[in-house]
Amino acid sequence: MKLVKARPLDPEASDMLVFFCPGCQEEHWVSVGPKTLWKIIWQFNGDYNKPTINPSILVKHNSPDGEHICHSFIRDGKIQFLSDCTHDMRGKTVDLPDIEKATT
C-alpha cells in the first residue's frame, strides 16, 4: 500500500494517515476526519493504493542547518514535489513508495 492508517497516539485522534516521503526519507502524516487534534483536515479519495489527497501537504521543520521544507501534492498514487521544497526531489513527480505500517 502507498498509504496506511496511523496508529493513534491518542484514541481521540484516530483519523490520521501516513505515507513515506522519498524526498525527506521519513513518514509524513495527514488528518482526514473529525477525530483529529489538528486544525487541518485533508480530503482523501479512499484508495490506499492510488491515493489522492487535497489540498497540498506542507511540512516544515528547523534543524541546525536551517529550515527544511517539503511541499507536495499526492494524486493517483504519485507525489508531486513543488518548487519550494528544500530537498533534492524539488520539482519532480514520482510514484509514492509502498509503506507497510506506521512506525510511530
Protein backbone atom coordinates (compact mmCIF):
# COMPACT_ATOMS: atom_id res chain seq x y z
CA MET A 1 0.00 0.00 0.00
CA LYS A 2 1.03 3.59 -0.58
CA LEU A 3 -0.78 4.97 2.46
CA VAL A 4 -1.76 3.44 5.79
CA LYS A 5 -3.90 4.38 8.75
CA ALA A 6 -1.74 5.66 11.57
CA ARG A 7 -1.72 4.05 14.95
CA PRO A 8 -3.22 6.84 17.03
CA LEU A 9 -1.11 8.32 19.77
CA ASP A 10 -4.39 9.38 21.34
CA PRO A 11 -7.70 7.49 20.81
CA GLU A 12 -9.37 10.84 20.24
CA ALA A 13 -7.08 11.42 17.21
CA SER A 14 -7.62 8.29 15.15
CA ASP A 15 -8.27 9.80 11.69
CA MET A 16 -4.64 10.04 10.61
CA LEU A 17 -2.95 8.57 7.52
CA VAL A 18 0.77 8.05 6.98
CA PHE A 19 2.90 7.93 3.83
CA PHE A 20 6.64 7.64 3.29
CA CYS A 21 8.17 10.73 1.68
CA PRO A 22 11.09 9.85 -0.61
CA GLY A 23 12.29 13.47 -0.53
CA CYS A 24 12.61 13.70 3.25
CA GLN A 25 13.26 9.96 3.76
CA GLU A 26 10.68 9.92 6.55
CA GLU A 27 6.97 9.48 7.21
CA HIS A 28 4.52 12.35 6.88
CA TRP A 29 1.08 12.33 8.49
CA VAL A 30 -2.21 13.90 7.37
CA SER A 31 -5.55 14.12 9.17
CA VAL A 32 -8.58 13.03 7.14
CA GLY A 33 -11.51 13.10 9.52
CA PRO A 34 -13.15 14.62 12.55
CA LYS A 35 -11.23 12.51 15.10
CA THR A 36 -8.09 14.59 14.93
CA LEU A 37 -6.32 17.06 17.15
CA TRP A 38 -5.15 19.02 14.09
CA LYS A 39 -6.93 22.04 12.66
CA ILE A 40 -6.44 20.99 9.03
CA ILE A 41 -8.43 18.11 7.55
CA TRP A 42 -7.37 16.86 4.12
CA GLN A 43 -9.71 15.23 1.62
CA PHE A 44 -8.84 11.62 0.80
CA ASN A 45 -10.24 9.60 -2.12
CA GLY A 46 -10.34 6.39 -0.01
CA ASP A 47 -7.88 4.48 -2.23
CA TYR A 48 -4.87 3.29 -0.20
CA ASN A 49 -3.02 2.08 -3.33
CA LYS A 50 -3.62 5.09 -5.61
CA PRO A 51 -4.34 7.84 -3.08
CA THR A 52 -5.27 11.40 -3.89
CA ILE A 53 -5.09 13.89 -1.04
CA ASN A 54 -6.13 17.55 -1.18
CA PRO A 55 -5.05 20.25 -0.54
CA SER A 56 -1.25 20.22 -0.78
CA ILE A 57 0.84 18.92 2.11
CA LEU A 58 3.35 21.35 3.62
CA VAL A 59 5.89 20.05 6.14
CA LYS A 60 8.39 22.43 7.75
CA HIS A 61 10.97 21.81 10.43
CA ASN A 62 14.05 23.54 11.70
CA SER A 63 17.42 21.93 12.19
CA PRO A 64 20.93 23.20 12.94
CA ASP A 65 21.49 23.63 9.15
CA GLY A 66 18.35 25.74 8.67
CA GLU A 67 14.70 25.38 7.77
CA HIS A 68 13.66 22.32 5.76
CA ILE A 69 10.53 22.49 3.61
CA CYS A 70 8.65 19.68 1.90
CA HIS A 71 5.61 20.80 -0.10
CA SER A 72 3.75 18.31 -2.25
CA PHE A 73 0.55 17.06 -3.82
CA ILE A 74 -0.44 13.39 -3.79
CA ARG A 75 -2.50 12.45 -6.82
CA ASP A 76 -3.33 8.97 -8.17
CA GLY A 77 -0.55 7.32 -6.16
CA LYS A 78 2.13 9.80 -7.22
CA ILE A 79 3.79 12.51 -5.18
CA GLN A 80 4.47 15.81 -6.92
CA PHE A 81 7.10 17.89 -5.13
CA LEU A 82 6.63 21.63 -5.53
CA SER A 83 9.31 24.23 -6.26
CA ASP A 84 9.58 25.48 -2.67
CA CYS A 85 10.94 22.14 -1.38
CA THR A 86 14.45 22.34 0.03
CA HIS A 87 15.39 18.72 -0.75
CA ASP A 88 16.65 17.09 -3.96
CA MET A 89 13.20 15.96 -5.13
CA ARG A 90 12.07 19.59 -5.71
CA GLY A 91 10.09 19.85 -8.96
CA LYS A 92 9.87 16.07 -9.52
CA THR A 93 6.86 13.74 -9.66
CA VAL A 94 7.46 10.13 -8.61
CA ASP A 95 5.45 7.09 -7.56
CA LEU A 96 4.60 7.13 -3.88
CA PRO A 97 6.62 4.32 -2.30
CA ASP A 98 4.92 1.42 -0.57
CA ILE A 99 4.62 1.57 3.20
CA GLU A 100 3.84 -1.39 5.43
CA LYS A 101 2.65 0.34 8.58
CA ALA A 102 3.30 3.47 10.56
CA THR A 103 6.38 3.16 12.72
CA THR A 104 5.37 5.87 15.17
